[in-house]
Protein backbone atom coordinates (compact mmCIF):
# COMPACT_ATOMS: atom_id res chain seq x y z
CA MET A 1 11.56 3.68 18.89
CA SER A 2 9.92 4.30 15.66
CA ARG A 3 8.22 1.17 13.99
CA ILE A 4 11.07 -0.13 11.44
CA LEU A 5 9.20 -2.79 9.95
CA THR A 6 6.94 -2.75 6.77
CA ALA A 7 2.91 -3.52 7.25
CA THR A 8 2.38 -7.15 5.73
CA ARG A 9 -1.03 -6.00 4.62
CA ILE A 10 -2.75 -2.41 4.72
CA LEU A 11 -6.84 -3.04 5.74
CA THR A 12 -9.66 -0.58 5.41
CA ALA A 13 -12.58 -2.17 7.58
CA VAL A 14 -15.78 -0.42 7.14
CA SER A 15 -17.63 0.17 10.36
CA ALA A 16 -21.49 0.23 10.83
CA ASP A 17 -21.91 3.66 10.41
CA GLY A 18 -19.87 3.47 7.43
CA ALA A 19 -16.59 4.72 8.97
CA ARG A 20 -13.78 3.45 7.23
CA ILE A 21 -11.14 2.54 9.92
CA HIS A 22 -6.90 2.52 8.87
CA ALA A 23 -5.40 -0.95 10.22
CA GLU A 24 -2.41 -2.60 9.67
CA VAL A 25 -1.13 -6.28 9.52
CA TYR A 26 2.69 -7.06 10.70
CA GLY A 27 4.24 -10.44 10.69
CA PRO A 28 3.50 -13.82 8.30
CA ASP A 29 0.19 -14.88 7.43
CA GLY A 30 -1.01 -17.92 9.12
CA ALA A 31 0.67 -17.00 12.32
CA PRO A 32 -1.64 -16.51 15.39
CA ALA A 33 -3.17 -13.29 16.12
CA VAL A 34 -2.88 -10.50 18.47
CA VAL A 35 -5.07 -7.05 18.29
CA LEU A 36 -3.41 -4.31 19.45
CA ALA A 37 -6.25 -1.08 20.27
CA HIS A 38 -4.11 2.28 21.16
CA GLY A 39 -5.59 5.02 23.23
CA TRP A 40 -6.26 8.56 23.24
CA THR A 41 -4.79 10.88 21.22
CA CYS A 42 -2.20 8.31 20.25
CA SER A 43 -2.00 6.18 16.95
CA THR A 44 -0.81 2.67 15.35
CA GLU A 45 2.78 3.95 16.06
CA PHE A 46 2.27 3.58 19.72
CA TRP A 47 2.61 -0.18 19.23
CA SER A 48 6.04 0.42 17.61
CA ALA A 49 7.89 -1.39 20.36
CA GLN A 50 5.42 -4.69 20.35
CA ILE A 51 5.26 -5.20 16.61
CA ARG A 52 8.73 -4.83 16.77
CA ASP A 53 8.68 -7.97 19.30
CA LEU A 54 6.09 -9.88 18.26
CA ALA A 55 5.44 -9.63 14.48
CA GLY A 56 8.50 -12.82 13.70
CA ASP A 57 6.07 -14.75 15.65
CA PHE A 58 2.60 -13.40 15.12
CA ARG A 59 0.42 -11.86 13.10
CA VAL A 60 0.24 -8.53 15.04
CA VAL A 61 -2.91 -6.10 13.62
CA VAL A 62 -3.05 -2.52 14.97
CA TYR A 63 -5.53 0.39 13.80
CA ASP A 64 -6.22 4.07 14.39
CA GLN A 65 -9.56 4.98 16.31
CA ARG A 66 -11.49 7.44 14.46
CA GLY A 67 -9.99 10.83 14.19
CA HIS A 68 -6.32 9.64 14.91
CA GLY A 69 -3.48 8.59 12.93
CA ARG A 70 -4.97 7.49 9.17
CA THR A 71 -9.11 7.33 10.22
CA ALA A 72 -10.79 10.27 9.54
CA ALA A 73 -13.33 11.75 12.03
CA ALA A 74 -16.57 10.62 12.54
CA ALA A 75 -19.04 10.50 15.30
CA VAL A 76 -17.88 9.30 18.71
CA SER A 77 -19.32 7.30 21.46
CA THR A 78 -18.29 4.18 23.35
CA ASP A 79 -20.59 2.83 20.64
CA VAL A 80 -18.62 3.30 17.75
CA LEU A 81 -15.66 2.15 19.75
CA ALA A 82 -17.09 -1.34 19.98
CA ASP A 83 -18.57 -0.82 16.02
CA ASP A 84 -15.07 -0.39 15.06
CA LEU A 85 -13.50 -3.08 16.75
CA GLU A 86 -16.49 -5.35 15.37
CA ALA A 87 -15.00 -4.03 11.92
CA VAL A 88 -11.42 -4.94 12.62
CA LEU A 89 -12.05 -8.35 13.67
CA ALA A 90 -14.21 -9.35 11.00
CA ALA A 91 -11.77 -7.88 8.20
CA ALA A 92 -8.45 -8.93 9.93
CA LEU A 93 -9.17 -12.11 11.05
CA ALA A 94 -11.07 -15.63 9.71
CA PRO A 95 -14.75 -16.45 11.00
CA GLY A 96 -14.49 -17.79 14.65
CA GLU A 97 -10.36 -17.35 14.99
CA LYS A 98 -8.99 -16.97 18.29
CA ALA A 99 -7.09 -13.46 19.19
CA VAL A 100 -5.29 -12.19 22.59
CA LEU A 101 -7.14 -8.43 22.46
CA VAL A 102 -5.04 -5.56 24.14
CA GLY A 103 -6.51 -2.05 24.83
CA HIS A 104 -4.15 0.90 26.32
CA SER A 105 -6.54 3.90 27.51
CA MET A 106 -9.07 4.05 25.47
CA GLY A 107 -8.48 0.80 23.50
CA GLY A 108 -8.83 -0.83 27.04
CA MET A 109 -12.15 1.07 27.12
CA THR A 110 -13.10 -0.52 23.18
CA LEU A 111 -12.93 -3.60 25.02
CA MET A 112 -15.17 -3.08 27.85
CA ALA A 113 -17.62 -1.32 25.46
CA ALA A 114 -17.50 -4.72 22.86
CA ALA A 115 -17.41 -6.70 25.89
CA GLY A 116 -20.88 -7.96 24.92
CA ARG A 117 -20.66 -7.83 21.53
CA THR A 118 -21.09 -11.77 18.99
CA ALA A 119 -18.09 -10.72 17.44
CA PHE A 120 -15.54 -9.96 20.87
CA ALA A 121 -17.18 -13.25 22.17
CA GLU A 122 -15.97 -15.40 18.95
CA HIS A 123 -12.61 -13.53 18.54
CA ALA A 124 -11.38 -13.19 21.94
CA ALA A 125 -9.57 -15.51 23.37
CA ALA A 126 -7.79 -13.69 26.11
CA VAL A 127 -7.54 -9.54 27.01
CA LEU A 128 -4.85 -7.65 28.39
CA LEU A 129 -6.14 -4.25 29.82
CA CYS A 130 -3.42 -1.84 30.12
CA SER A 131 -3.76 1.46 31.82
CA THR A 132 -7.20 2.38 31.81
CA GLY A 133 -10.88 3.07 33.55
CA SER A 134 -14.01 1.97 33.02
CA SER A 135 -15.53 4.83 35.02
CA ARG A 136 -15.07 7.93 36.93
CA LEU A 137 -12.03 9.14 34.69
CA VAL A 138 -12.33 12.94 35.37
CA GLU A 139 -12.86 12.89 39.36
CA GLU A 140 -10.15 10.59 39.91
CA SER A 141 -7.65 11.69 37.61
CA LEU A 142 -4.59 13.37 39.47
CA VAL A 143 -3.12 15.39 36.93
CA LEU A 144 -4.01 18.08 38.85
CA PRO A 145 -1.60 18.13 42.43
CA MET A 146 -4.76 18.88 44.32
CA ARG A 147 -7.01 17.58 46.89
CA ARG A 148 -9.85 15.40 45.43
CA GLY A 149 -13.45 17.65 45.36
CA PRO A 150 -15.39 18.69 42.86
CA LEU A 151 -13.35 21.87 42.27
CA ARG A 152 -10.25 19.49 41.13
CA THR A 153 -13.05 17.76 39.35
CA ARG A 154 -14.24 20.79 37.34
CA LEU A 155 -10.37 21.97 36.67
CA THR A 156 -9.07 18.47 35.35
CA GLY A 157 -12.17 18.67 32.96
CA MET A 158 -11.17 21.82 31.28
CA VAL A 159 -7.33 20.92 31.38
CA LEU A 160 -8.50 17.50 29.73
CA GLY A 161 -10.93 19.32 27.04
CA ALA A 162 -8.87 22.32 26.50
CA ARG A 163 -9.50 23.15 22.92
CA ALA A 164 -6.58 25.48 22.33
CA PRO A 165 -4.15 23.19 20.18
CA LEU A 166 -0.86 21.54 21.70
CA GLY A 167 0.98 23.53 18.65
CA PRO A 168 4.78 22.05 18.19
CA VAL A 169 6.74 19.57 20.49
CA THR A 170 9.00 21.72 22.31
CA PRO A 171 11.07 21.07 25.34
CA LEU A 172 8.49 22.40 27.78
CA SER A 173 5.55 20.85 26.14
CA ARG A 174 7.94 17.59 26.49
CA ARG A 175 7.83 18.47 30.53
CA LEU A 176 4.35 19.09 30.95
CA LEU A 177 3.62 15.72 28.73
CA LYS A 178 5.95 13.40 30.77
CA TYR A 179 4.57 15.12 34.03
CA GLY A 180 0.82 14.21 32.96
CA THR A 181 0.62 11.31 31.17
CA MET A 182 4.61 9.12 32.29
CA GLY A 183 6.28 8.50 35.28
CA PRO A 184 9.60 9.60 36.84
CA ASP A 185 11.80 7.22 35.01
CA ALA A 186 10.43 7.90 31.92
CA THR A 187 13.70 8.45 29.15
CA PRO A 188 13.96 11.26 27.01
CA GLY A 189 13.82 9.05 24.18
CA GLN A 190 10.50 7.45 25.07
CA VAL A 191 9.24 11.36 26.24
CA LYS A 192 10.54 12.32 22.79
CA GLU A 193 8.51 9.39 20.75
CA CYS A 194 5.29 10.09 23.25
CA ALA A 195 4.82 13.64 22.40
CA ARG A 196 5.36 13.69 18.60
CA ILE A 197 2.47 10.93 18.18
CA VAL A 198 0.41 13.08 20.92
CA HIS A 199 0.81 16.41 19.35
CA ALA A 200 -0.02 14.75 15.80
CA CYS A 201 -3.42 13.88 16.98
CA ALA A 202 -5.88 16.41 15.37
CA ARG A 203 -7.39 18.79 17.50
CA ALA A 204 -10.84 18.77 16.61
CA ALA A 205 -10.60 14.68 17.83
CA ARG A 206 -9.00 14.88 20.85
CA VAL A 207 -11.31 17.27 21.80
CA ALA A 208 -14.81 15.40 20.87
CA TRP A 209 -13.12 11.75 22.70
CA SER A 210 -12.29 14.19 25.59
CA GLN A 211 -16.32 15.00 26.02
CA VAL A 212 -16.94 10.83 25.74
CA LEU A 213 -14.46 9.81 28.12
CA ALA A 214 -15.42 12.59 30.67
CA GLY A 215 -18.52 11.15 30.67
CA LEU A 216 -17.70 7.06 30.54
CA ASP A 217 -19.57 4.72 32.49
CA LEU A 218 -18.16 0.59 30.90
CA ASP A 219 -18.94 -0.53 34.63
CA ASP A 220 -21.15 -2.95 32.95
CA GLY A 221 -18.44 -3.84 30.40
CA VAL A 222 -16.19 -4.54 32.82
CA ARG A 223 -19.00 -7.48 34.08
CA GLN A 224 -19.72 -8.63 30.93
CA LEU A 225 -15.87 -9.03 30.14
CA ASN A 226 -16.57 -12.83 30.31
CA VAL A 227 -12.82 -13.86 28.86
CA PRO A 228 -9.41 -14.42 30.81
CA THR A 229 -8.01 -11.18 31.34
CA VAL A 230 -4.91 -9.36 32.67
CA VAL A 231 -4.83 -5.84 34.14
CA LEU A 232 -1.90 -4.01 33.96
CA ALA A 233 -1.16 -0.46 35.31
CA GLY A 234 1.85 1.78 36.47
CA THR A 235 1.68 2.94 39.95
CA ALA A 236 2.84 6.86 39.12
CA ASP A 237 0.19 6.71 36.37
CA ARG A 238 -2.07 10.57 36.68
CA LEU A 239 -4.27 9.92 34.32
CA THR A 240 -6.20 6.21 35.15
CA PRO A 241 -4.53 5.83 38.60
CA MET A 242 -3.99 2.60 40.35
CA VAL A 243 -7.92 2.81 42.24
CA HIS A 244 -9.19 1.79 38.27
CA ALA A 245 -7.00 -1.26 37.98
CA ARG A 246 -7.85 -2.50 41.12
CA ARG A 247 -11.35 -1.78 40.56
CA ILE A 248 -11.78 -3.40 37.04
CA ALA A 249 -9.60 -6.35 38.17
CA ALA A 250 -12.03 -6.91 41.17
CA ASN A 251 -15.64 -7.02 38.81
CA LEU A 252 -13.82 -8.75 36.06
CA PRO A 253 -15.81 -12.04 36.02
CA ASP A 254 -12.47 -13.62 34.86
CA CYS A 255 -9.30 -11.45 36.40
CA ARG A 256 -5.79 -13.61 35.66
CA GLU A 257 -3.69 -11.00 37.14
CA LEU A 258 -3.11 -7.37 38.28
CA VAL A 259 0.26 -6.06 37.55
CA GLU A 260 1.50 -3.22 39.17
CA LEU A 261 4.63 -1.56 37.53
CA ASP A 262 6.16 0.44 40.45
CA GLY A 263 6.97 4.00 38.84
CA THR A 264 5.66 3.64 35.36
CA GLY A 265 3.26 6.14 34.24
CA HIS A 266 0.12 5.99 31.88
CA MET A 267 2.30 4.84 28.60
CA THR A 268 3.19 1.85 29.89
CA PRO A 269 3.38 0.32 26.29
CA VAL A 270 6.35 2.81 25.68
CA GLU A 271 7.35 3.10 29.47
CA ALA A 272 7.59 -0.73 30.22
CA PRO A 273 7.97 -2.30 26.46
CA GLU A 274 9.35 -5.49 27.72
CA ALA A 275 6.36 -5.85 30.80
CA VAL A 276 3.68 -5.37 28.37
CA THR A 277 5.07 -7.54 25.71
CA ALA A 278 6.13 -10.38 28.00
CA LYS A 279 1.87 -10.90 29.00
CA ILE A 280 0.63 -10.66 25.78
CA ARG A 281 3.26 -13.42 24.89
CA GLU A 282 1.97 -15.38 27.82
CA LEU A 283 -1.78 -14.59 27.21
CA ALA A 284 -1.20 -16.14 24.38
CA ALA A 285 0.63 -19.45 25.20
CA ALA A 286 -1.67 -20.16 28.06
CA HIS A 287 -4.89 -19.39 25.80
CA GLY A 288 -4.44 -21.35 22.82
CA VAL A 289 -2.97 -18.28 20.81
CA THR A 290 -0.03 -20.38 19.43
CA ASP A 291 -0.49 -22.55 16.28
CA SER A 292 1.60 -20.91 13.74
CA SER A 293 -0.82 -22.57 11.23
CA GLY A 294 -3.58 -20.51 12.05
CA ASP A 295 -5.71 -24.06 13.34
CA ALA A 296 -5.75 -22.38 17.31
CA GLU A 297 -9.14 -23.17 18.74
CA GLY A 298 -10.44 -24.97 15.67
CA ALA A 299 -11.01 -21.69 13.82
CA PRO A 300 -9.75 -22.15 10.06
CA HIS A 301 -7.29 -19.79 8.85
CA ARG A 302 -8.70 -16.89 5.72
CA ASP A 303 -5.86 -15.86 3.49
CA ILE A 304 -5.89 -12.43 4.80
CA LYS A 305 -6.09 -11.32 1.11
CA SER A 306 -10.07 -12.10 0.63
CA VAL A 307 -10.50 -8.82 2.64
CA LYS A 308 -10.58 -5.60 1.30
CA GLU A 309 -7.40 -3.96 1.21
CA GLU A 310 -6.06 -0.28 0.23
CA ALA A 311 -2.35 0.15 -0.39
CA ALA A 312 -0.67 2.53 2.09
């Protein structure tokens, strides 16, 4: 499952507070654009299946959230999630160029946080939200098999915000990761890949972002996400169970579809890559992100070399 393609471009997007965000572009210059935002404890490698499938037809932009992958840690908040996305869009897309924006888990929260921003409106043709929530994450998590209530909420917060290092990947840690984040049908290879990515996340970043997520309230962002949107989630998701997807779908101004994947857990892009990629392609075809000349939606194409680049 490891990514085998070589990035067409490596970019550094500079966020509002000066933080430098590592971004990668796959696929031919001038192709229609898709932007993928990963979740908590993950990295650009989380999107390997989508990159492999889409890069022949699309310009696929992926980036590391703060403290993840090759982006250094810095101040954390939902506002900086939106700031960082704006910086990536400015670095990778031409002014006015439309793209399909896809967010998994904290990446979906990034899109909600940015929904009211001018840059979001400028670049978002359509949105795919995968396995995400807008509020009450700890309260509604099913990671601990307990009756809902204050005790479960408190203990869940302690588990998700634990400061202990994850340590090396072991058979036990893979079993725990599968239980907490993946569905019963996840293959050993999928579990191994997710464990490798999650265990590579720096402890300080994992803890810092867990505190942001524990207090998350992006319900207003959902109501401002006024572009065609598909919500996709797994019925076996313990981290962001289906109640989140259904609530988001009900509150979106322009929800086109709620996709429920039976038996799939939280890691939908890895567990169900064909389903996720198919929805990206459908959104691109339905909302004008299909013109390989780069002129879809009337947006001029800018040579990607004109933005700031950094050697790999």
